[in-house]
C-alpha atoms as a PDB file:
ATOM      1  CA  UNK A   1       0.000   0.000   0.000  1.00  0.00           C
ATOM      2  CA  UNK A   2       1.421   3.376  -1.062  1.00  0.00           C
ATOM      3  CA  UNK A   3       1.851   5.878   1.747  1.00  0.00           C
ATOM      4  CA  UNK A   4      -0.017   9.176   1.414  1.00  0.00           C
ATOM      5  CA  UNK A   5       2.204  12.090   0.384  1.00  0.00           C
ATOM      6  CA  UNK A   6       3.127  14.524   3.171  1.00  0.00           C
ATOM      7  CA  UNK A   7       0.950  17.625   3.648  1.00  0.00           C
ATOM      8  CA  UNK A   8       1.785  20.618   1.481  1.00  0.00           C
ATOM      9  CA  UNK A   9       0.940  23.115   4.241  1.00  0.00           C
ATOM     10  CA  UNK A  10       1.023  22.476   7.981  1.00  0.00           C
ATOM     11  CA  UNK A  11       0.724  24.890  10.877  1.00  0.00           C
ATOM     12  CA  UNK A  12       0.762  24.055  14.576  1.00  0.00           C
ATOM     13  CA  UNK A  13      -0.173  26.541  17.325  1.00  0.00           C
ATOM     14  CA  UNK A  14       0.634  29.405  14.936  1.00  0.00           C
ATOM     15  CA  UNK A  15       0.394  32.871  16.480  1.00  0.00           C
ATOM     16  CA  UNK A  16       0.966  36.401  15.264  1.00  0.00           C
ATOM     17  CA  UNK A  17       0.983  39.590  17.296  1.00  0.00           C
ATOM     18  CA  UNK A  18       0.997  43.170  16.049  1.00  0.00           C
ATOM     19  CA  UNK A  19       2.130  44.964  19.168  1.00  0.00           C
ATOM     20  CA  UNK A  20      -0.599  44.336  21.741  1.00  0.00           C
ATOM     21  CA  UNK A  21      -3.056  43.086  19.120  1.00  0.00           C
ATOM     22  CA  UNK A  22      -3.132  39.344  18.476  1.00  0.00           C
ATOM     23  CA  UNK A  23      -4.121  38.435  14.916  1.00  0.00           C
ATOM     24  CA  UNK A  24      -3.682  34.643  15.099  1.00  0.00           C
ATOM     25  CA  UNK A  25      -4.448  32.459  18.114  1.00  0.00           C
ATOM     26  CA  UNK A  26      -2.789  29.031  17.930  1.00  0.00           C
ATOM     27  CA  UNK A  27      -3.737  28.190  14.333  1.00  0.00           C
ATOM     28  CA  UNK A  28      -3.691  24.467  13.411  1.00  0.00           C
ATOM     29  CA  UNK A  29      -4.026  23.806   9.694  1.00  0.00           C
ATOM     30  CA  UNK A  30      -3.214  20.995   7.273  1.00  0.00           C
ATOM     31  CA  UNK A  31      -3.526  21.100   3.477  1.00  0.00           C
ATOM     32  CA  UNK A  32      -3.077  17.839   1.593  1.00  0.00           C
ATOM     33  CA  UNK A  33      -1.134  17.358  -1.617  1.00  0.00           C
ATOM     34  CA  UNK A  34      -3.265  17.640  -4.756  1.00  0.00           C
ATOM     35  CA  UNK A  35      -6.344  19.211  -3.166  1.00  0.00           C
ATOM     36  CA  UNK A  36      -8.105  22.533  -3.531  1.00  0.00           C
ATOM     37  CA  UNK A  37      -8.429  23.977  -0.039  1.00  0.00           C
ATOM     38  CA  UNK A  38     -10.707  26.925   0.686  1.00  0.00           C
ATOM     39  CA  UNK A  39      -9.705  29.315   3.473  1.00  0.00           C
ATOM     40  CA  UNK A  40     -12.801  31.268   4.430  1.00  0.00           C
ATOM     41  CA  UNK A  41     -13.599  34.182   6.674  1.00  0.00           C
ATOM     42  CA  UNK A  42     -14.570  37.859   6.560  1.00  0.00           C
ATOM     43  CA  UNK A  43     -12.087  40.656   6.080  1.00  0.00           C
ATOM     44  CA  UNK A  44     -10.004  40.984   9.218  1.00  0.00           C
ATOM     45  CA  UNK A  45     -10.308  37.332  10.285  1.00  0.00           C
ATOM     46  CA  UNK A  46      -6.598  36.580   9.741  1.00  0.00           C
ATOM     47  CA  UNK A  47      -6.564  35.029   6.266  1.00  0.00           C
ATOM     48  CA  UNK A  48      -3.950  37.305   4.717  1.00  0.00           C
ATOM     49  CA  UNK A  49      -1.845  37.275   7.869  1.00  0.00           C
ATOM     50  CA  UNK A  50      -1.695  33.474   7.685  1.00  0.00           C
ATOM     51  CA  UNK A  51      -0.738  33.540   4.017  1.00  0.00           C
ATOM     52  CA  UNK A  52       2.008  36.114   4.551  1.00  0.00           C
ATOM     53  CA  UNK A  53       3.528  33.977   7.310  1.00  0.00           C
ATOM     54  CA  UNK A  54       3.422  30.891   5.068  1.00  0.00           C
ATOM     55  CA  UNK A  55       5.372  32.791   2.405  1.00  0.00           C
ATOM     56  CA  UNK A  56       7.758  34.454   4.901  1.00  0.00           C
ATOM     57  CA  UNK A  57       6.524  37.910   3.977  1.00  0.00           C
ATOM     58  CA  UNK A  58       6.022  38.517   7.688  1.00  0.00           C
ATOM     59  CA  UNK A  59       7.412  36.567  10.641  1.00  0.00           C
ATOM     60  CA  UNK A  60       5.278  34.518  13.001  1.00  0.00           C
ATOM     61  CA  UNK A  61       5.271  35.286  16.706  1.00  0.00           C
ATOM     62  CA  UNK A  62       5.030  31.655  17.780  1.00  0.00           C
ATOM     63  CA  UNK A  63       4.184  28.127  16.714  1.00  0.00           C
ATOM     64  CA  UNK A  64       5.286  26.179  13.664  1.00  0.00           C
ATOM     65  CA  UNK A  65       4.677  26.382   9.920  1.00  0.00           C
ATOM     66  CA  UNK A  66       5.760  24.116   7.067  1.00  0.00           C
ATOM     67  CA  UNK A  67       5.225  24.692   3.346  1.00  0.00           C
ATOM     68  CA  UNK A  68       6.243  21.930   0.943  1.00  0.00           C
ATOM     69  CA  UNK A  69       8.126  20.395   3.862  1.00  0.00           C
ATOM     70  CA  UNK A  70      10.154  23.562   4.467  1.00  0.00           C
ATOM     71  CA  UNK A  71      10.167  26.136   7.246  1.00  0.00           C
ATOM     72  CA  UNK A  72       9.296  29.477   5.584  1.00  0.00           C
ATOM     73  CA  UNK A  73      11.379  31.361   8.132  1.00  0.00           C
ATOM     74  CA  UNK A  74      14.553  29.403   7.320  1.00  0.00           C
ATOM     75  CA  UNK A  75      13.857  28.577   3.658  1.00  0.00           C
ATOM     76  CA  UNK A  76      11.748  31.475   2.417  1.00  0.00           C
ATOM     77  CA  UNK A  77      13.503  31.755  -0.953  1.00  0.00           C
ATOM     78  CA  UNK A  78      13.086  28.044  -1.703  1.00  0.00           C
ATOM     79  CA  UNK A  79       9.432  28.151  -0.673  1.00  0.00           C
ATOM     80  CA  UNK A  80       8.602  31.129  -2.878  1.00  0.00           C
ATOM     81  CA  UNK A  81      10.344  29.499  -5.843  1.00  0.00           C
ATOM     82  CA  UNK A  82       7.843  26.607  -5.715  1.00  0.00           C
ATOM     83  CA  UNK A  83       4.740  28.726  -5.101  1.00  0.00           C
ATOM     84  CA  UNK A  84       2.470  30.782  -7.339  1.00  0.00           C
ATOM     85  CA  UNK A  85       1.132  33.649  -5.224  1.00  0.00           C
ATOM     86  CA  UNK A  86      -1.626  36.159  -5.860  1.00  0.00           C
ATOM     87  CA  UNK A  87      -1.839  38.734  -3.039  1.00  0.00           C
ATOM     88  CA  UNK A  88      -5.143  40.167  -1.906  1.00  0.00           C
ATOM     89  CA  UNK A  89      -4.035  43.668  -2.887  1.00  0.00           C
ATOM     90  CA  UNK A  90      -1.968  43.540  -6.059  1.00  0.00           C
ATOM     91  CA  UNK A  91       0.097  46.727  -6.368  1.00  0.00           C
ATOM     92  CA  UNK A  92       1.542  47.072  -9.870  1.00  0.00           C
ATOM     93  CA  UNK A  93       2.836  50.476 -11.001  1.00  0.00           C
ATOM     94  CA  UNK A  94       5.054  49.423 -13.907  1.00  0.00           C
ATOM     95  CA  UNK A  95       4.979  51.458 -17.140  1.00  0.00           C
ATOM     96  CA  UNK A  96       5.967  48.326 -19.054  1.00  0.00           C
ATOM     97  CA  UNK A  97       3.448  46.528 -21.232  1.00  0.00           C
ATOM     98  CA  UNK A  98       1.973  43.537 -19.450  1.00  0.00           C
ATOM     99  CA  UNK A  99       3.829  41.200 -21.827  1.00  0.00           C
ATOM    100  CA  UNK A 100       7.230  42.580 -20.797  1.00  0.00           C
ATOM    101  CA  UNK A 101       6.447  42.533 -17.088  1.00  0.00           C
ATOM    102  CA  UNK A 102       5.232  38.929 -17.213  1.00  0.00           C
ATOM    103  CA  UNK A 103       8.272  37.866 -19.247  1.00  0.00           C
ATOM    104  CA  UNK A 104      10.521  39.495 -16.641  1.00  0.00           C
ATOM    105  CA  UNK A 105       8.719  37.714 -13.795  1.00  0.00           C
ATOM    106  CA  UNK A 106       8.915  34.473 -15.740  1.00  0.00           C
ATOM    107  CA  UNK A 107      12.690  34.842 -16.089  1.00  0.00           C
ATOM    108  CA  UNK A 108      12.973  35.258 -12.320  1.00  0.00           C
ATOM    109  CA  UNK A 109      11.271  31.870 -11.975  1.00  0.00           C
ATOM    110  CA  UNK A 110      13.596  30.068 -14.324  1.00  0.00           C
ATOM    111  CA  UNK A 111      11.932  30.956 -17.605  1.00  0.00           C
ATOM    112  CA  UNK A 112       8.350  30.828 -18.878  1.00  0.00           C
ATOM    113  CA  UNK A 113       7.608  30.569 -22.592  1.00  0.00           C
ATOM    114  CA  UNK A 114       5.800  33.456 -24.323  1.00  0.00           C
ATOM    115  CA  UNK A 115       3.313  30.875 -25.607  1.00  0.00           C
ATOM    116  CA  UNK A 116       2.348  29.922 -22.054  1.00  0.00           C
ATOM    117  CA  UNK A 117       1.872  33.562 -21.076  1.00  0.00           C
ATOM    118  CA  UNK A 118      -0.143  34.206 -24.230  1.00  0.00           C
ATOM    119  CA  UNK A 119      -2.369  31.182 -23.617  1.00  0.00           C
ATOM    120  CA  UNK A 120      -3.301  32.312 -20.104  1.00  0.00           C
ATOM    121  CA  UNK A 121      -3.802  35.920 -21.248  1.00  0.00           C
ATOM    122  CA  UNK A 122      -6.166  34.769 -23.995  1.00  0.00           C
ATOM    123  CA  UNK A 123      -8.198  32.691 -21.558  1.00  0.00           C
ATOM    124  CA  UNK A 124      -8.630  35.689 -19.263  1.00  0.00           C
ATOM    125  CA  UNK A 125      -9.104  38.286 -21.991  1.00  0.00           C
ATOM    126  CA  UNK A 126      -5.967  40.227 -21.043  1.00  0.00           C
ATOM    127  CA  UNK A 127      -4.430  42.627 -23.578  1.00  0.00           C
ATOM    128  CA  UNK A 128      -0.683  42.091 -23.139  1.00  0.00           C
ATOM    129  CA  UNK A 129       0.260  45.168 -25.148  1.00  0.00           C
ATOM    130  CA  UNK A 130      -1.175  47.659 -22.660  1.00  0.00           C
ATOM    131  CA  UNK A 131       1.006  49.243 -19.944  1.00  0.00           C
ATOM    132  CA  UNK A 132       0.238  47.691 -16.574  1.00  0.00           C
ATOM    133  CA  UNK A 133       0.086  51.024 -14.786  1.00  0.00           C
ATOM    134  CA  UNK A 134      -2.981  52.129 -16.741  1.00  0.00           C
ATOM    135  CA  UNK A 135      -4.974  48.921 -16.368  1.00  0.00           C
ATOM    136  CA  UNK A 136      -8.267  48.729 -14.501  1.00  0.00           C
ATOM    137  CA  UNK A 137      -8.502  46.781 -11.240  1.00  0.00           C
ATOM    138  CA  UNK A 138     -10.009  43.814 -13.064  1.00  0.00           C
ATOM    139  CA  UNK A 139      -7.245  43.742 -15.676  1.00  0.00           C
ATOM    140  CA  UNK A 140      -4.539  44.067 -13.024  1.00  0.00           C
ATOM    141  CA  UNK A 141      -6.139  41.065 -11.334  1.00  0.00           C
ATOM    142  CA  UNK A 142      -5.771  39.182 -14.615  1.00  0.00           C
ATOM    143  CA  UNK A 143      -2.057  40.057 -14.676  1.00  0.00           C
ATOM    144  CA  UNK A 144      -1.799  38.744 -11.132  1.00  0.00           C
ATOM    145  CA  UNK A 145      -3.494  35.484 -12.074  1.00  0.00           C
ATOM    146  CA  UNK A 146      -1.266  34.958 -15.111  1.00  0.00           C
ATOM    147  CA  UNK A 147       1.904  35.478 -13.072  1.00  0.00           C
ATOM    148  CA  UNK A 148       0.641  33.065 -10.393  1.00  0.00           C
ATOM    149  CA  UNK A 149      -0.265  30.256 -12.799  1.00  0.00           C
ATOM    150  CA  UNK A 150       2.276  30.670 -15.583  1.00  0.00           C
ATOM    151  CA  UNK A 151       5.195  28.656 -14.178  1.00  0.00           C
ATOM    152  CA  UNK A 152       2.988  25.698 -13.133  1.00  0.00           C
ATOM    153  CA  UNK A 153       3.980  25.860  -9.460  1.00  0.00           C
ATOM    154  CA  UNK A 154       3.607  22.926  -7.079  1.00  0.00           C
ATOM    155  CA  UNK A 155       1.457  25.116  -4.836  1.00  0.00           C
ATOM    156  CA  UNK A 156      -0.845  27.992  -5.734  1.00  0.00           C
ATOM    157  CA  UNK A 157      -1.676  30.438  -2.926  1.00  0.00           C
ATOM    158  CA  UNK A 158      -4.481  32.747  -4.009  1.00  0.00           C
ATOM    159  CA  UNK A 159      -5.790  35.519  -1.753  1.00  0.00           C
ATOM    160  CA  UNK A 160      -9.272  36.693  -2.865  1.00  0.00           C
ATOM    161  CA  UNK A 161      -8.506  35.659  -6.471  1.00  0.00           C
ATOM    162  CA  UNK A 162     -11.811  36.595  -8.126  1.00  0.00           C
ATOM    163  CA  UNK A 163     -11.839  40.194  -6.910  1.00  0.00           C
ATOM    164  CA  UNK A 164     -12.607  42.453  -9.868  1.00  0.00           C
ATOM    165  CA  UNK A 165     -13.391  39.629 -12.310  1.00  0.00           C
ATOM    166  CA  UNK A 166     -16.740  39.458 -14.081  1.00  0.00           C
ATOM    167  CA  UNK A 167     -18.808  36.245 -13.700  1.00  0.00           C
ATOM    168  CA  UNK A 168     -17.680  34.682 -16.990  1.00  0.00           C
ATOM    169  CA  UNK A 169     -14.018  35.162 -16.116  1.00  0.00           C
ATOM    170  CA  UNK A 170     -14.649  33.805 -12.636  1.00  0.00           C
ATOM    171  CA  UNK A 171     -15.829  30.582 -14.267  1.00  0.00           C
ATOM    172  CA  UNK A 172     -12.723  30.492 -16.481  1.00  0.00           C
ATOM    173  CA  UNK A 173     -10.557  30.983 -13.415  1.00  0.00           C
ATOM    174  CA  UNK A 174     -12.306  28.103 -11.619  1.00  0.00           C
ATOM    175  CA  UNK A 175     -11.629  25.898 -14.632  1.00  0.00           C
ATOM    176  CA  UNK A 176      -7.932  26.799 -14.352  1.00  0.00           C
ATOM    177  CA  UNK A 177      -8.062  25.742 -10.705  1.00  0.00           C
ATOM    178  CA  UNK A 178      -9.646  22.394 -11.661  1.00  0.00           C
ATOM    179  CA  UNK A 179      -6.909  21.814 -14.227  1.00  0.00           C
ATOM    180  CA  UNK A 180      -4.263  22.519 -11.599  1.00  0.00           C
ATOM    181  CA  UNK A 181      -5.770  19.895  -9.291  1.00  0.00           C
ATOM    182  CA  UNK A 182      -6.068  17.401 -12.174  1.00  0.00           C
ATOM    183  CA  UNK A 183      -2.339  17.894 -12.719  1.00  0.00           C
ATOM    184  CA  UNK A 184      -1.699  16.760  -9.128  1.00  0.00           C
ATOM    185  CA  UNK A 185      -0.804  20.200  -7.828  1.00  0.00           C
ATOM    186  CA  UNK A 186      -2.287  21.985  -4.800  1.00  0.00           C
ATOM    187  CA  UNK A 187      -4.376  25.154  -4.496  1.00  0.00           C
ATOM    188  CA  UNK A 188      -4.836  27.123  -1.268  1.00  0.00           C
ATOM    189  CA  UNK A 189      -7.533  29.711  -1.937  1.00  0.00           C
ATOM    190  CA  UNK A 190      -8.635  32.421   0.480  1.00  0.00           C
ATOM    191  CA  UNK A 191     -12.034  34.092   0.181  1.00  0.00           C
ATOM    192  CA  UNK A 192     -14.716  35.808   2.243  1.00  0.00           C
ATOM    193  CA  UNK A 193     -17.448  34.205   0.091  1.00  0.00           C
ATOM    194  CA  UNK A 194     -18.062  30.455   0.209  1.00  0.00           C
ATOM    195  CA  UNK A 195     -19.787  30.560  -3.175  1.00  0.00           C
ATOM    196  CA  UNK A 196     -16.481  31.443  -4.854  1.00  0.00           C
ATOM    197  CA  UNK A 197     -14.855  28.194  -3.773  1.00  0.00           C
ATOM    198  CA  UNK A 198     -17.627  25.678  -3.080  1.00  0.00           C
ATOM    199  CA  UNK A 199     -17.697  24.346  -6.651  1.00  0.00           C
ATOM    200  CA  UNK A 200     -13.985  23.505  -6.738  1.00  0.00           C
ATOM    201  CA  UNK A 201     -12.821  23.028  -3.131  1.00  0.00           C
ATOM    202  CA  UNK A 202     -12.268  19.543  -1.748  1.00  0.00           C
ATOM    203  CA  UNK A 203     -12.146  20.885   1.796  1.00  0.00           C
ATOM    204  CA  UNK A 204     -12.498  24.271   3.424  1.00  0.00           C
ATOM    205  CA  UNK A 205     -11.789  25.878   6.779  1.00  0.00           C
ATOM    206  CA  UNK A 206     -13.423  28.865   8.454  1.00  0.00           C
ATOM    207  CA  UNK A 207     -11.205  31.272  10.349  1.00  0.00           C
ATOM    208  CA  UNK A 208     -12.823  33.547  12.906  1.00  0.00           C
ATOM    209  CA  UNK A 209     -10.880  36.286  14.684  1.00  0.00           C
ATOM    210  CA  UNK A 210      -7.617  34.431  14.249  1.00  0.00           C
ATOM    211  CA  UNK A 211      -8.920  30.955  15.131  1.00  0.00           C
ATOM    212  CA  UNK A 212      -9.956  28.005  12.954  1.00  0.00           C
ATOM    213  CA  UNK A 213     -13.520  27.254  14.030  1.00  0.00           C
ATOM    214  CA  UNK A 214     -14.515  24.625  11.431  1.00  0.00           C
ATOM    215  CA  UNK A 215     -12.922  22.444   8.772  1.00  0.00           C
ATOM    216  CA  UNK A 216     -15.252  20.631   6.398  1.00  0.00           C
ATOM    217  CA  UNK A 217     -15.138  18.134   3.565  1.00  0.00           C
ATOM    218  CA  UNK A 218     -17.210  19.813   0.871  1.00  0.00           C
ATOM    219  CA  UNK A 219     -18.832  16.607  -0.417  1.00  0.00           C
ATOM    220  CA  UNK A 220     -19.883  15.655   3.112  1.00  0.00           C
ATOM    221  CA  UNK A 221     -21.247  19.169   3.608  1.00  0.00           C
ATOM    222  CA  UNK A 222     -23.338  18.889   0.447  1.00  0.00           C
ATOM    223  CA  UNK A 223     -24.680  15.491   1.472  1.00  0.00           C
ATOM    224  CA  UNK A 224     -26.135  16.790   4.718  1.00  0.00           C
ATOM    225  CA  UNK A 225     -27.197  20.198   3.454  1.00  0.00           C
ATOM    226  CA  UNK A 226     -30.918  21.006   3.419  1.00  0.00           C
ATOM    227  CA  UNK A 227     -32.732  21.716   0.177  1.00  0.00           C
ATOM    228  CA  UNK A 228     -36.228  22.857  -0.716  1.00  0.00           C
ATOM    229  CA  UNK A 229     -38.062  20.319  -2.906  1.00  0.00           C
ATOM    230  CA  UNK A 230     -41.290  20.748  -4.855  1.00  0.00           C
ATOM    231  CA  UNK A 231     -42.924  17.878  -6.776  1.00  0.00           C
ATOM    232  CA  UNK A 232     -45.988  18.154  -9.011  1.00  0.00           C
ATOM    233  CA  UNK A 233     -47.834  14.965  -9.941  1.00  0.00           C
ATOM    234  CA  UNK A 234     -50.345  14.093 -12.669  1.00  0.00           C
ATOM    235  CA  UNK A 235     -53.071  13.621 -10.043  1.00  0.00           C
ATOM    236  CA  UNK A 236     -53.687  14.588  -6.384  1.00  0.00           C
ATOM    237  CA  UNK A 237     -51.706  12.583  -3.814  1.00  0.00           C
ATOM    238  CA  UNK A 238     -52.327  11.593  -0.195  1.00  0.00           C
ATOM    239  CA  UNK A 239     -50.352  13.589   2.352  1.00  0.00           C
ATOM    240  CA  UNK A 240     -49.928  10.517   4.547  1.00  0.00           C
ATOM    241  CA  UNK A 241     -47.744   8.929   1.884  1.00  0.00           C
ATOM    242  CA  UNK A 242     -45.121  11.645   2.253  1.00  0.00           C
ATOM    243  CA  UNK A 243     -44.935  12.081   6.024  1.00  0.00           C
ATOM    244  CA  UNK A 244     -42.427  10.221   8.143  1.00  0.00           C
ATOM    245  CA  UNK A 245     -39.965   9.662   5.287  1.00  0.00           C
ATOM    246  CA  UNK A 246     -36.266   9.555   6.147  1.00  0.00           C
ATOM    247  CA  UNK A 247     -34.579  12.992   5.880  1.00  0.00           C
ATOM    248  CA  UNK A 248     -37.890  14.659   4.916  1.00  0.00           C
ATOM    249  CA  UNK A 249     -39.589  17.372   7.015  1.00  0.00           C
ATOM    250  CA  UNK A 250     -41.977  20.313   6.749  1.00  0.00           C
ATOM    251  CA  UNK A 251     -44.182  18.441   4.276  1.00  0.00           C
ATOM    252  CA  UNK A 252     -47.005  20.422   2.687  1.00  0.00           C
ATOM    253  CA  UNK A 253     -49.403  18.692   0.267  1.00  0.00           C
ATOM    254  CA  UNK A 254     -51.797  20.761  -1.827  1.00  0.00           C
ATOM    255  CA  UNK A 255     -53.715  18.633  -4.312  1.00  0.00           C
ATOM    256  CA  UNK A 256     -51.219  17.399  -6.877  1.00  0.00           C
ATOM    257  CA  UNK A 257     -48.197  19.242  -5.383  1.00  0.00           C
ATOM    258  CA  UNK A 258     -45.869  18.256  -2.537  1.00  0.00           C
ATOM    259  CA  UNK A 259     -43.437  20.775  -0.995  1.00  0.00           C
ATOM    260  CA  UNK A 260     -40.931  19.790   1.678  1.00  0.00           C
ATOM    261  CA  UNK A 261     -37.426  20.200   3.069  1.00  0.00           C
ATOM    262  CA  UNK A 262     -34.893  17.395   2.592  1.00  0.00           C
ATOM    263  CA  UNK A 263     -31.922  17.139   4.969  1.00  0.00           C
ATOM    264  CA  UNK A 264     -29.239  15.097   3.233  1.00  0.00           C
ATOM    265  CA  UNK A 265     -30.066  12.326   0.776  1.00  0.00           C
ATOM    266  CA  UNK A 266     -33.453  12.595  -1.005  1.00  0.00           C
ATOM    267  CA  UNK A 267     -33.485   8.849  -1.729  1.00  0.00           C
ATOM    268  CA  UNK A 268     -36.598   8.035   0.357  1.00  0.00           C
ATOM    269  CA  UNK A 269     -38.551  10.926  -1.158  1.00  0.00           C
ATOM    270  CA  UNK A 270     -37.588  10.005  -4.720  1.00  0.00           C
ATOM    271  CA  UNK A 271     -38.611   6.367  -4.225  1.00  0.00           C
ATOM    272  CA  UNK A 272     -41.977   7.395  -2.776  1.00  0.00           C
ATOM    273  CA  UNK A 273     -42.561   9.916  -5.576  1.00  0.00           C
ATOM    274  CA  UNK A 274     -41.795   7.215  -8.168  1.00  0.00           C
ATOM    275  CA  UNK A 275     -45.035   5.436  -7.187  1.00  0.00           C
ATOM    276  CA  UNK A 276     -46.894   8.264  -8.932  1.00  0.00           C
ATOM    277  CA  UNK A 277     -46.610  10.005 -12.302  1.00  0.00           C
ATOM    278  CA  UNK A 278     -44.264  12.950 -11.764  1.00  0.00           C
ATOM    279  CA  UNK A 279     -44.732  16.018 -13.970  1.00  0.00           C
ATOM    280  CA  UNK A 280     -42.253  18.351 -12.269  1.00  0.00           C
ATOM    281  CA  UNK A 281     -39.441  17.895  -9.722  1.00  0.00           C
ATOM    282  CA  UNK A 282     -37.763  21.062  -8.528  1.00  0.00           C
ATOM    283  CA  UNK A 283     -34.910  20.965  -6.021  1.00  0.00           C
ATOM    284  CA  UNK A 284     -33.299  24.217  -4.907  1.00  0.00           C
ATOM    285  CA  UNK A 285     -29.550  23.934  -4.411  1.00  0.00           C
ATOM    286  CA  UNK A 286     -28.645  23.703  -0.724  1.00  0.00           C
ATOM    287  CA  UNK A 287     -27.398  26.906   0.848  1.00  0.00           C
ATOM    288  CA  UNK A 288     -23.939  25.665   1.780  1.00  0.00           C
ATOM    289  CA  UNK A 289     -22.933  29.118   2.940  1.00  0.00           C
ATOM    290  CA  UNK A 290     -25.586  29.256   5.639  1.00  0.00           C
ATOM    291  CA  UNK A 291     -24.816  25.679   6.722  1.00  0.00           C
ATOM    292  CA  UNK A 292     -21.058  26.246   6.800  1.00  0.00           C
ATOM    293  CA  UNK A 293     -21.249  29.491   8.705  1.00  0.00           C
ATOM    294  CA  UNK A 294     -23.424  28.083  11.477  1.00  0.00           C
ATOM    295  CA  UNK A 295     -20.029  26.920  12.768  1.00  0.00           C
ATOM    296  CA  UNK A 296     -18.745  30.433  12.313  1.00  0.00           C
ATOM    297  CA  UNK A 297     -21.149  32.811  13.979  1.00  0.00           C
ATOM    298  CA  UNK A 298     -23.478  30.780  16.218  1.00  0.00           C
ATOM    299  CA  UNK A 299     -26.279  33.202  15.429  1.00  0.00           C
ATOM    300  CA  UNK A 300     -24.237  36.395  15.647  1.00  0.00           C
ATOM    301  CA  UNK A 301     -23.493  38.771  12.820  1.00  0.00           C
ATOM    302  CA  UNK A 302     -21.336  37.067  10.218  1.00  0.00           C
ATOM    303  CA  UNK A 303     -18.891  39.891   9.807  1.00  0.00           C
ATOM    304  CA  UNK A 304     -18.423  40.647  13.475  1.00  0.00           C
ATOM    305  CA  UNK A 305     -15.670  42.842  14.889  1.00  0.00           C
ATOM    306  CA  UNK A 306     -12.419  42.552  12.973  1.00  0.00           C
ATOM    307  CA  UNK A 307      -8.902  41.918  14.190  1.00  0.00           C
ATOM    308  CA  UNK A 308      -5.801  42.761  12.197  1.00  0.00           C
ATOM    309  CA  UNK A 309      -5.785  41.106   8.786  1.00  0.00           C
END
């Protein structure tokens, strides 16, 4: 039996203080090789602070961190060589055309072919001939994505990657993430919106005020999520036939229509419905965000007071 590869990111009891303000409180985190891992929380929760420590852009106050088996504090240069990084706030003031800037950054990483840069730019609709300094926020974000993906790094660390992208380009970006995972590489993606990562993440963690408060397998989360179901039949049905079914609650029968809430698998409901002629079957997608964040806020405001980011 082949042993599982070591984690790509590990933190143990990780802390960070800014003077008297504590931004991270004993963070324990593990990201597996070849997965897409969502790192979720509102602005100020500690997401960017964690990422900057992992890349040795700032120093931790305590605890341990390993990236690709290396200590970022001792091996920061080696870590950054293997990582594609998109910061949450991309500051680019170069007067160079985007093509020249990306070629320069590619050379720093050992060389990236112009064809590779051009391919990614085409996918994102980025005009490489325009000076970077004059680009809109959305187009600067495209430059940031190209430079993160272009050298096919072992690990992609993306901080709020869809900021400024229109919905069609967000979908193209998510397809790039799927391709990265299919290639056996790892993606660590920070966001304050679960919807941005739920379609591609294998697992996700919620960080609240510098603490991890939940880590979830996304498939398991979907399986137990509640969904609204409405079924219309060819003829009226008996309400008694749809009460007491496994995972089914809040049943309302009105003539030929059954409405209910399904928690988890709808198997029992589907089998019961199959005894009749079904004309319509509508199932609203489960609200994973509400389910996930029940771990986060316990009924309090989702944003809450912020600590240092």
